Amino acid sequence: MTKSLTLLVKIGVIQGFEHIYGAKVIIKKINWGKTMNGIKPISSNQRTWTGFDFFLLWAGAAVSLAEIWAGGILVPMGYITGFIVILLGHLIGNTPLALGGLVGSKWGIPTMVSTRPAFGVRGSYIPASLNIFQLIGWTAVMVWIGGQTAATFTQGSSLYTAKFWILLLGVVTTLWALVGYRFWKWLHRIAVTALVILCLIMTYVVFKEYGIGSLLQAKANGDLPFMLGLDYVIVMPISWLPLVCDYSRYAQTDRGSFWGTWIGYFLVSSWMYLIGLSAALATKSPTPEAMVLELMISFGLVVPAMVIVLFSTFTTTFLDIYSTAVSASNIYSRLGEKKGVVLGGACGTILALIFGAYPETYTHFLEIIGYIFCPLFGVVLADYFFIRKRILLTDELFARGAYWYTNGIHWTAIGCWALGAVLFKLGRGWQVGGAIPSFIVAAALYLIVKKGSGKPENS
C-alpha cells in the first residue's frame, strides 16, 4: 500500500500540482497585485462570480472532515432526532450567512469592513481580531486533521509522516489562497465537482456497510438536549459569517450571491453532518471521519479516499487563510493581502505541527465561536437591514465621519453584543440553547436602543 501511495504522491500530487496549478507557469504569469484587492470597495468589472460559482465555493467549504466529525457530536440524539436537528440547524444558520453576504454583493466590501457602520471604524478592530484567532485556529484544525488522516494511508513510511502531510497541506492551501479570486472559481469547478462525485461514492459505501434500517433504529439516550445539539449545527454556518463578504463582494448579482451561498452550504454541510452521524452511530467511534475513510480503504478505494482528504482540506481551508489576511488588513491596511495570506498560512501550519494530540476541545471551540459571533452578527444585520435600510456611505467607512462615533467606537453596539454573549452562555447552562436567543436578543436590544435615540443614521 505504501508503494502505491508513494507513486500517488509523486504522480498525483507533484505532477498534478504542476499540471493543474501550473507550478512552473502560473507563478510567473499571475499578477499578484491584480488578484488581491485589499479592503476598499471593488470595482464592478471585478464582480464576475455567478450563483453557480458561489454554490461551488460554499459546497467546497462544506466538504470537510471537520464537518463529518461534528456530525458525530449528535450521536446521543439518535438517528431520526439527529437528522431533524441537522436540517433545522442548517436552515436557521444558513439564513444569516446568506443575508450577511448581501452586504458584500451590494457594496463590494469585505465582512470586517461591513461591521464598521454598527461598531465604528475602530470598533471593527475587535471582531476582526477575534476573527483572526478563529481563522488561524480553523486552519490549524483542518490541516492537522487532514495530515493525521493522510498519514494513516502511509503508515510505515519514514518520509510520508503526519508532519509531512501537514506541511504539504499547509503550503498548497496557502498557494491556493494566493492565486486570487480570478482563479478560485475555475479551481473549484474542477475540484469541487470531483469531490462531490467522490462523496457520493463515500455515502454509498457508508450506507451499504451500515444499513439504513439499523441506523433508523438508533435511539436517543438523552445525554444531549435538543436545543444544545441544535447549537452545534447552527454555529457551523455562523462560523463562516465573519468572512462571507470577503467572497460575495465578487458577485454579479445579490440573488446569485444569496442563493448560491445558501443552497451550496445547506446541501453539502447537511450531507457531511449526516455521514458523520451515521458512521459514529454505527461504529461508536469518536472519530467518524477516520472510520469513513478506513471503510473506503477496505472497499479498495484508497486513491478516492486520499483525494477526499487532500482536496477537501484545500477547498475549505484556503478560505480561512485568505480571510485571515483580509481581517488583518481591516486593522492594519498596510499589511497587504499577499503578506497576510503567507503569515496566516504559516501561523496555522505551525500551530498544526505542534499539536500533540487530537484537540479534544473541538466542541468547546464551536461553543466559543457561537458565543462570540452569534450576538455580534445579530447586531450587524439588525443595523444594516433595519436601521440603515441597506444603505451605506462607502467613503465614510474609511474616514472620521458618519461611522466614527466616540473615538471610532460605537459603544451601544459593543454593549448589546456583550449582553448577547452573556445570554449565549446562560442559555447553554439553562439547556435552552445559546445561538438563537443570543442572536435575537442582541439584535432586538440594539434596535430598541437605536430607535429610541431618534438620531438619524447615514448622516
Protein backbone atom coordinates (compact mmCIF):
# COMPACT_ATOMS: atom_id res chain seq x y z
CA MET A 1 0.00 0.00 0.00
CA THR A 2 2.83 2.39 0.90
CA LYS A 3 4.46 1.93 -2.51
CA SER A 4 1.23 2.68 -4.34
CA LEU A 5 0.66 5.78 -2.25
CA THR A 6 4.25 6.88 -2.82
CA LEU A 7 3.50 6.67 -6.54
CA LEU A 8 0.30 8.63 -5.95
CA VAL A 9 2.24 11.34 -4.17
CA LYS A 10 4.89 11.56 -6.88
CA ILE A 11 2.48 11.47 -9.80
CA GLY A 12 -0.86 12.67 -8.45
CA VAL A 13 0.43 15.40 -6.18
CA ILE A 14 3.67 16.67 -7.63
CA GLN A 15 2.92 16.29 -11.34
CA GLY A 16 -0.76 17.03 -10.77
CA PHE A 17 0.19 20.20 -8.94
CA GLU A 18 2.35 21.28 -11.88
CA HIS A 19 -0.39 20.43 -14.34
CA ILE A 20 -3.45 21.79 -12.55
CA TYR A 21 -1.91 24.77 -10.80
CA GLY A 22 0.85 25.30 -13.33
CA ALA A 23 3.54 25.41 -10.64
CA LYS A 24 6.12 26.21 -13.32
CA VAL A 25 3.84 28.56 -15.23
CA ILE A 26 1.18 30.06 -13.02
CA ILE A 27 3.57 31.67 -10.54
CA LYS A 28 5.25 33.51 -13.40
CA LYS A 29 2.02 34.57 -15.09
CA ILE A 30 -0.12 35.62 -12.13
CA ASN A 31 -0.05 39.34 -11.45
CA TRP A 32 -0.40 39.07 -7.68
CA GLY A 33 -1.33 42.73 -7.30
CA LYS A 34 -4.36 42.30 -9.54
CA THR A 35 -5.64 39.23 -7.72
CA MET A 36 -5.56 40.89 -4.29
CA ASN A 37 -7.98 43.74 -3.61
CA GLY A 38 -7.43 44.86 -0.02
CA ILE A 39 -10.43 46.16 1.91
CA LYS A 40 -11.63 49.02 -0.31
CA PRO A 41 -14.83 48.52 -2.37
CA ILE A 42 -14.03 46.61 -5.52
CA SER A 43 -14.97 47.81 -8.99
CA SER A 44 -17.92 46.49 -10.98
CA ASN A 45 -15.70 44.88 -13.62
CA GLN A 46 -14.27 42.58 -10.92
CA ARG A 47 -17.69 41.32 -9.92
CA THR A 48 -17.77 38.27 -12.16
CA TRP A 49 -18.97 35.43 -9.93
CA THR A 50 -22.30 33.78 -10.72
CA GLY A 51 -24.69 31.95 -8.42
CA PHE A 52 -23.15 28.67 -9.59
CA ASP A 53 -19.69 29.90 -8.60
CA PHE A 54 -20.97 30.62 -5.08
CA PHE A 55 -22.67 27.24 -4.95
CA LEU A 56 -19.33 25.57 -5.70
CA LEU A 57 -17.41 27.84 -3.31
CA TRP A 58 -19.62 27.03 -0.32
CA ALA A 59 -20.14 23.40 -1.30
CA GLY A 60 -16.35 23.11 -1.31
CA ALA A 61 -16.18 24.78 2.10
CA ALA A 62 -18.68 22.27 3.46
CA VAL A 63 -16.88 19.15 2.17
CA SER A 64 -14.78 18.86 5.28
CA LEU A 65 -13.53 16.17 7.63
CA ALA A 66 -14.29 18.58 10.47
CA GLU A 67 -17.97 18.68 9.47
CA ILE A 68 -18.14 14.89 9.34
CA TRP A 69 -16.62 14.85 12.81
CA ALA A 70 -19.14 17.46 14.01
CA GLY A 71 -21.99 15.21 12.87
CA GLY A 72 -20.69 12.63 15.31
CA ILE A 73 -21.35 15.02 18.21
CA LEU A 74 -25.07 14.42 17.70
CA VAL A 75 -24.89 10.65 18.40
CA PRO A 76 -26.69 10.93 21.79
CA MET A 77 -29.74 12.30 19.97
CA GLY A 78 -30.26 9.14 17.91
CA TYR A 79 -30.63 9.00 14.14
CA ILE A 80 -34.07 10.50 13.50
CA THR A 81 -33.78 13.33 16.01
CA GLY A 82 -30.19 13.95 14.91
CA PHE A 83 -31.31 14.16 11.28
CA ILE A 84 -34.04 16.67 12.19
CA VAL A 85 -31.54 18.77 14.14
CA ILE A 86 -29.11 18.76 11.19
CA LEU A 87 -31.75 20.07 8.78
CA LEU A 88 -33.25 22.58 11.20
CA GLY A 89 -29.87 23.86 12.37
CA HIS A 90 -28.68 24.44 8.83
CA LEU A 91 -31.97 26.08 7.88
CA ILE A 92 -31.53 28.53 10.75
CA GLY A 93 -27.76 29.07 10.50
CA ASN A 94 -27.60 29.34 6.71
CA THR A 95 -30.06 32.22 6.55
CA PRO A 96 -27.95 34.84 8.37
CA LEU A 97 -24.90 33.51 6.49
CA ALA A 98 -26.50 34.26 3.13
CA LEU A 99 -28.05 37.53 4.36
CA GLY A 100 -24.67 38.70 5.59
CA GLY A 101 -23.25 38.05 2.14
CA LEU A 102 -25.69 40.57 0.66
CA VAL A 103 -23.73 43.43 2.22
CA GLY A 104 -20.67 42.38 0.25
CA SER A 105 -22.51 41.71 -3.00
CA LYS A 106 -24.18 45.15 -2.95
CA TRP A 107 -21.32 47.35 -1.75
CA GLY A 108 -18.21 45.36 -2.74
CA ILE A 109 -16.72 45.36 0.76
CA PRO A 110 -15.30 42.53 2.92
CA THR A 111 -17.05 41.38 6.10
CA MET A 112 -14.98 43.15 8.71
CA VAL A 113 -15.45 46.46 6.90
CA SER A 114 -19.20 45.73 6.88
CA THR A 115 -19.13 45.74 10.70
CA ARG A 116 -17.93 49.38 10.76
CA PRO A 117 -21.37 51.03 10.41
CA ALA A 118 -22.55 49.18 13.53
CA PHE A 119 -19.38 49.07 15.64
CA GLY A 120 -17.46 52.05 14.34
CA VAL A 121 -14.29 52.21 12.27
CA ARG A 122 -12.05 51.36 15.22
CA GLY A 123 -14.72 49.27 16.91
CA SER A 124 -14.50 46.86 13.96
CA TYR A 125 -10.95 46.03 15.06
CA ILE A 126 -12.39 43.98 17.93
CA PRO A 127 -14.38 41.47 15.80
CA ALA A 128 -11.53 41.49 13.26
CA SER A 129 -9.02 40.48 15.94
CA LEU A 130 -11.29 37.72 17.23
CA ASN A 131 -11.87 36.52 13.69
CA ILE A 132 -8.12 36.29 13.04
CA PHE A 133 -7.75 33.99 16.05
CA GLN A 134 -10.76 31.94 14.93
CA LEU A 135 -9.43 31.54 11.39
CA ILE A 136 -5.90 30.62 12.43
CA GLY A 137 -7.48 28.09 14.78
CA TRP A 138 -9.62 26.64 11.99
CA THR A 139 -6.59 26.50 9.67
CA ALA A 140 -4.64 24.56 12.27
CA VAL A 141 -7.53 22.18 13.00
CA MET A 142 -8.23 21.49 9.32
CA VAL A 143 -4.59 20.97 8.34
CA TRP A 144 -3.99 18.82 11.44
CA ILE A 145 -6.98 16.58 10.76
CA GLY A 146 -6.02 16.27 7.08
CA GLY A 147 -2.40 15.50 7.91
CA GLN A 148 -3.20 12.92 10.56
CA THR A 149 -5.75 11.21 8.32
CA ALA A 150 -3.44 11.20 5.29
CA ALA A 151 -0.70 9.67 7.45
CA THR A 152 -2.89 6.62 8.11
CA PHE A 153 -2.59 5.80 4.41
CA THR A 154 1.21 5.86 4.55
CA GLN A 155 1.87 4.06 7.82
CA GLY A 156 5.36 2.59 7.93
CA SER A 157 6.85 5.27 5.72
CA SER A 158 9.66 7.31 7.24
CA LEU A 159 9.02 10.15 4.78
CA TYR A 160 5.25 10.46 4.48
CA THR A 161 4.57 11.08 8.16
CA ALA A 162 1.79 13.21 9.62
CA LYS A 163 4.14 16.22 9.76
CA PHE A 164 4.98 15.79 6.08
CA TRP A 165 1.30 15.84 5.15
CA ILE A 166 0.57 18.77 7.48
CA LEU A 167 3.35 20.77 5.86
CA LEU A 168 2.25 19.80 2.34
CA LEU A 169 -1.38 20.70 3.07
CA GLY A 170 -0.37 23.99 4.66
CA VAL A 171 1.84 25.03 1.74
CA VAL A 172 -0.58 24.03 -1.04
CA THR A 173 -3.57 25.59 0.72
CA THR A 174 -1.65 28.84 1.18
CA LEU A 175 -0.79 28.86 -2.54
CA TRP A 176 -4.47 28.20 -3.31
CA ALA A 177 -5.37 31.30 -1.28
CA LEU A 178 -2.67 33.35 -3.00
CA VAL A 179 -3.81 32.82 -6.59
CA GLY A 180 -6.82 35.07 -6.07
CA TYR A 181 -10.48 35.31 -6.99
CA ARG A 182 -9.99 35.00 -10.78
CA PHE A 183 -8.52 31.52 -10.42
CA TRP A 184 -10.59 30.27 -7.47
CA LYS A 185 -13.77 29.79 -9.44
CA TRP A 186 -12.01 27.68 -12.09
CA LEU A 187 -10.17 25.63 -9.49
CA HIS A 188 -13.46 24.99 -7.73
CA ARG A 189 -15.29 23.96 -10.87
CA ILE A 190 -12.77 21.13 -11.18
CA ALA A 191 -12.01 20.28 -7.56
CA VAL A 192 -15.49 20.55 -6.04
CA THR A 193 -17.15 18.65 -8.88
CA ALA A 194 -14.68 15.82 -8.33
CA LEU A 195 -15.21 15.96 -4.56
CA VAL A 196 -18.99 15.75 -4.90
CA ILE A 197 -18.67 12.66 -7.10
CA LEU A 198 -16.28 11.03 -4.65
CA CYS A 199 -18.51 11.92 -1.70
CA LEU A 200 -21.42 10.21 -3.47
CA ILE A 201 -19.25 7.08 -3.59
CA MET A 202 -18.37 7.58 0.08
CA THR A 203 -22.05 7.88 1.00
CA TYR A 204 -22.91 4.71 -0.91
CA VAL A 205 -20.15 2.81 0.90
CA VAL A 206 -21.33 4.06 4.33
CA PHE A 207 -24.96 3.09 3.87
CA LYS A 208 -24.11 -0.17 2.14
CA GLU A 209 -21.92 -1.20 5.06
CA TYR A 210 -24.05 0.01 7.95
CA GLY A 211 -27.55 -0.28 6.52
CA ILE A 212 -30.17 2.45 6.75
CA GLY A 213 -32.53 0.17 8.65
CA SER A 214 -30.20 -0.36 11.60
CA LEU A 215 -29.34 3.34 11.69
CA LEU A 216 -33.01 4.32 11.90
CA GLN A 217 -33.39 2.13 14.95
CA ALA A 218 -30.70 4.02 16.89
CA LYS A 219 -32.44 5.79 19.77
CA ALA A 220 -31.57 8.90 21.72
CA ASN A 221 -30.02 8.42 25.14
CA GLY A 222 -30.89 11.88 26.44
CA ASP A 223 -27.30 12.99 27.07
CA LEU A 224 -27.58 15.87 24.59
CA PRO A 225 -30.69 18.09 24.88
CA PHE A 226 -32.35 19.11 21.62
CA MET A 227 -31.50 22.82 21.80
CA LEU A 228 -27.87 22.22 22.76
CA GLY A 229 -27.48 19.83 19.85
CA LEU A 230 -29.07 22.44 17.62
CA ASP A 231 -26.38 24.92 18.69
CA TYR A 232 -23.65 22.58 17.40
CA VAL A 233 -25.22 22.73 13.94
CA ILE A 234 -26.15 26.42 13.84
CA VAL A 235 -22.66 27.61 14.80
CA MET A 236 -21.04 25.88 11.83
CA PRO A 237 -22.56 28.17 9.17
CA ILE A 238 -22.31 31.08 11.64
CA SER A 239 -18.55 30.44 11.81
CA TRP A 240 -18.40 31.42 8.12
CA LEU A 241 -20.35 34.68 8.61
CA PRO A 242 -17.24 36.70 9.56
CA LEU A 243 -15.77 36.03 6.12
CA VAL A 244 -18.75 35.62 3.78
CA CYS A 245 -18.47 39.14 2.28
CA ASP A 246 -14.78 38.58 1.54
CA TYR A 247 -16.12 36.46 -1.35
CA SER A 248 -19.64 37.76 -2.00
CA ARG A 249 -18.12 41.13 -2.99
CA TYR A 250 -17.18 39.43 -6.28
CA ALA A 251 -20.83 38.61 -7.10
CA GLN A 252 -22.52 39.74 -10.28
CA THR A 253 -25.88 39.94 -8.50
CA ASP A 254 -27.31 39.86 -4.97
CA ARG A 255 -29.57 36.99 -5.96
CA GLY A 256 -26.69 34.84 -7.18
CA SER A 257 -24.71 35.52 -4.03
CA PHE A 258 -27.61 34.74 -1.69
CA TRP A 259 -28.96 31.57 -3.24
CA GLY A 260 -25.60 30.18 -4.34
CA THR A 261 -24.31 30.57 -0.79
CA TRP A 262 -27.47 29.30 0.90
CA ILE A 263 -28.07 26.25 -1.27
CA GLY A 264 -24.42 25.23 -1.66
CA TYR A 265 -23.67 25.27 2.04
CA PHE A 266 -27.04 23.93 3.19
CA LEU A 267 -26.98 20.86 0.97
CA VAL A 268 -23.37 19.79 1.37
CA SER A 269 -22.86 20.69 5.04
CA SER A 270 -26.08 18.83 5.98
CA TRP A 271 -24.79 15.90 3.93
CA MET A 272 -21.42 15.84 5.72
CA TYR A 273 -23.09 16.05 9.14
CA LEU A 274 -25.35 13.13 8.20
CA ILE A 275 -22.40 10.99 7.11
CA GLY A 276 -20.66 11.74 10.39
CA LEU A 277 -23.76 10.94 12.44
CA SER A 278 -24.29 7.68 10.55
CA ALA A 279 -20.69 6.50 10.90
CA ALA A 280 -20.50 7.46 14.58
CA LEU A 281 -23.76 5.69 15.42
CA ALA A 282 -22.73 2.53 13.57
CA THR A 283 -19.17 2.28 14.90
CA LYS A 284 -19.45 4.07 18.29
CA SER A 285 -16.23 5.81 17.28
CA PRO A 286 -15.41 9.33 18.48
CA THR A 287 -13.66 9.96 15.14
CA PRO A 288 -16.26 9.14 12.46
CA GLU A 289 -14.29 10.89 9.71
CA ALA A 290 -11.45 8.39 10.15
CA MET A 291 -13.86 5.44 10.24
CA VAL A 292 -15.49 6.53 6.97
CA LEU A 293 -12.15 6.74 5.18
CA GLU A 294 -10.96 3.42 6.62
CA LEU A 295 -14.19 1.90 5.33
CA MET A 296 -13.46 3.25 1.84
CA ILE A 297 -9.98 1.70 2.00
CA SER A 298 -11.50 -1.66 2.95
CA PHE A 299 -13.54 -1.42 -0.26
CA GLY A 300 -10.33 -0.85 -2.22
CA LEU A 301 -10.99 2.88 -2.69
CA VAL A 302 -7.60 4.08 -1.49
CA VAL A 303 -6.99 6.78 -4.09
CA PRO A 304 -10.53 8.28 -3.86
CA ALA A 305 -10.19 8.38 -0.06
CA MET A 306 -6.83 10.14 -0.36
CA VAL A 307 -8.21 12.67 -2.85
CA ILE A 308 -11.07 13.49 -0.46
CA VAL A 309 -8.60 14.08 2.38
CA LEU A 310 -6.34 16.36 0.35
CA PHE A 311 -8.79 18.36 -1.72
CA SER A 312 -11.42 18.79 0.99
CA THR A 313 -8.65 20.42 3.03
CA PHE A 314 -7.70 22.71 0.14
CA THR A 315 -11.25 23.85 -0.74
CA THR A 316 -12.17 24.56 2.87
CA THR A 317 -9.01 25.89 4.46
CA PHE A 318 -7.94 28.37 1.78
CA LEU A 319 -11.00 30.43 2.78
CA ASP A 320 -9.70 30.62 6.35
CA ILE A 321 -6.21 31.61 5.24
CA TYR A 322 -7.30 34.28 2.77
CA SER A 323 -9.80 35.80 5.17
CA THR A 324 -7.19 35.93 7.92
CA ALA A 325 -5.33 38.35 5.65
CA VAL A 326 -8.47 40.39 4.91
CA SER A 327 -9.37 40.69 8.60
CA ALA A 328 -5.80 41.71 9.43
CA SER A 329 -5.93 44.34 6.68
CA ASN A 330 -9.05 45.80 8.31
CA ILE A 331 -6.88 46.59 11.32
CA TYR A 332 -3.63 47.44 9.53
CA SER A 333 -4.26 48.14 5.86
CA ARG A 334 -0.56 48.49 5.02
CA LEU A 335 -0.03 44.80 5.75
CA GLY A 336 -1.36 43.85 2.32
CA GLU A 337 -3.27 40.70 1.45
CA LYS A 338 -0.32 38.81 -0.02
CA LYS A 339 1.77 39.15 3.15
CA GLY A 340 -1.29 38.47 5.26
CA VAL A 341 -2.03 35.23 3.39
CA VAL A 342 1.52 33.98 3.82
CA LEU A 343 1.54 34.88 7.53
CA GLY A 344 -1.90 33.35 8.10
CA GLY A 345 -0.98 30.13 6.33
CA ALA A 346 2.33 29.92 8.18
CA CYS A 347 0.75 30.51 11.61
CA GLY A 348 -1.96 27.92 11.04
CA THR A 349 0.51 25.35 9.71
CA ILE A 350 2.97 25.87 12.56
CA LEU A 351 0.16 25.56 15.10
CA ALA A 352 -0.94 22.31 13.43
CA LEU A 353 2.62 20.97 13.56
CA ILE A 354 2.85 21.44 17.32
CA PHE A 355 -0.46 19.77 18.12
CA GLY A 356 0.40 16.73 20.25
CA ALA A 357 -2.97 15.02 20.03
CA TYR A 358 -6.40 15.43 18.51
CA PRO A 359 -7.87 18.59 20.00
CA GLU A 360 -10.46 17.30 22.48
CA THR A 361 -11.68 20.86 22.91
CA TYR A 362 -13.34 20.88 19.47
CA THR A 363 -16.85 21.15 20.95
CA HIS A 364 -15.67 23.98 23.19
CA PHE A 365 -14.18 25.68 20.12
CA LEU A 366 -17.59 25.56 18.43
CA GLU A 367 -19.22 26.97 21.57
CA ILE A 368 -16.74 29.85 21.68
CA ILE A 369 -17.49 30.66 18.04
CA GLY A 370 -21.20 30.81 18.84
CA TYR A 371 -20.56 32.82 21.99
CA ILE A 372 -18.70 35.50 20.01
CA PHE A 373 -20.28 35.61 16.56
CA CYS A 374 -23.98 34.84 17.05
CA PRO A 375 -24.73 38.04 19.02
CA LEU A 376 -22.16 40.03 17.03
CA PHE A 377 -23.94 39.44 13.73
CA GLY A 378 -27.31 39.86 15.36
CA VAL A 379 -26.20 43.47 15.89
CA VAL A 380 -24.57 43.86 12.45
CA LEU A 381 -27.54 42.51 10.47
CA ALA A 382 -30.07 44.46 12.55
CA ASP A 383 -28.09 47.64 11.89
CA TYR A 384 -27.81 47.04 8.15
CA PHE A 385 -31.32 45.81 7.34
CA PHE A 386 -33.47 47.71 9.86
CA ILE A 387 -31.57 50.83 10.90
CA ARG A 388 -29.81 51.74 7.67
CA LYS A 389 -32.31 50.10 5.29
CA ARG A 390 -29.43 48.56 3.27
CA ILE A 391 -27.86 51.96 2.57
CA LEU A 392 -24.18 52.60 3.34
CA LEU A 393 -21.91 55.59 2.78
CA THR A 394 -18.89 53.74 1.47
CA ASP A 395 -16.50 56.71 1.64
CA GLU A 396 -17.36 57.13 5.32
CA LEU A 397 -16.27 53.55 6.05
CA PHE A 398 -12.66 54.70 5.81
CA ALA A 399 -12.89 58.18 7.34
CA ARG A 400 -13.66 60.02 10.57
CA GLY A 401 -17.24 60.62 9.56
CA ALA A 402 -20.64 59.00 9.99
CA TYR A 403 -19.21 55.78 11.41
CA TRP A 404 -16.65 57.32 13.77
CA TYR A 405 -18.94 57.62 16.83
CA THR A 406 -16.83 58.07 20.02
CA ASN A 407 -13.17 57.96 19.02
CA GLY A 408 -14.04 55.40 16.35
CA ILE A 409 -16.06 53.07 18.61
CA HIS A 410 -19.84 52.65 18.88
CA TRP A 411 -20.29 51.62 22.49
CA THR A 412 -24.00 50.91 22.07
CA ALA A 413 -23.22 48.10 19.65
CA ILE A 414 -20.43 46.80 21.90
CA GLY A 415 -22.81 46.71 24.86
CA CYS A 416 -25.57 44.86 23.00
CA TRP A 417 -23.03 42.36 21.69
CA ALA A 418 -21.66 41.77 25.20
CA LEU A 419 -25.14 41.18 26.65
CA GLY A 420 -25.92 38.76 23.84
CA ALA A 421 -22.68 36.88 24.57
CA VAL A 422 -23.66 36.55 28.23
CA LEU A 423 -27.06 35.24 27.17
CA PHE A 424 -25.40 32.61 24.96
CA LYS A 425 -23.54 31.31 27.99
CA LEU A 426 -26.65 31.38 30.18
CA GLY A 427 -28.78 29.71 27.50
CA ARG A 428 -26.35 26.80 27.31
CA GLY A 429 -26.50 26.43 31.08
CA TRP A 430 -30.30 26.55 31.09
CA GLN A 431 -30.34 23.98 28.24
CA VAL A 432 -32.47 26.24 26.04
CA GLY A 433 -29.62 26.81 23.62
CA GLY A 434 -27.43 29.84 23.13
CA ALA A 435 -27.30 30.55 19.39
CA ILE A 436 -30.89 31.62 18.76
CA PRO A 437 -31.51 33.61 21.98
CA SER A 438 -28.19 35.48 21.80
CA PHE A 439 -28.68 36.43 18.15
CA ILE A 440 -32.28 37.61 18.61
CA VAL A 441 -31.79 39.41 21.92
CA ALA A 442 -28.63 41.24 20.81
CA ALA A 443 -30.41 42.37 17.63
CA ALA A 444 -33.59 43.39 19.49
CA LEU A 445 -31.71 45.34 22.17
CA TYR A 446 -29.73 47.18 19.51
CA LEU A 447 -32.88 48.09 17.58
CA ILE A 448 -34.67 49.29 20.72
CA VAL A 449 -31.76 51.49 21.80
CA LYS A 450 -31.16 52.92 18.31
CA LYS A 451 -34.83 53.58 17.60
CA GLY A 452 -35.22 55.13 21.00
CA SER A 453 -32.33 57.52 20.45
CA GLY A 454 -34.08 59.06 17.46
CA LYS A 455 -30.75 60.00 15.86
CA PRO A 456 -30.78 59.75 12.04
CA GLU A 457 -28.33 57.30 10.54
CA ASN A 458 -26.07 57.71 7.50
CA SER A 459 -25.79 61.39 8.13
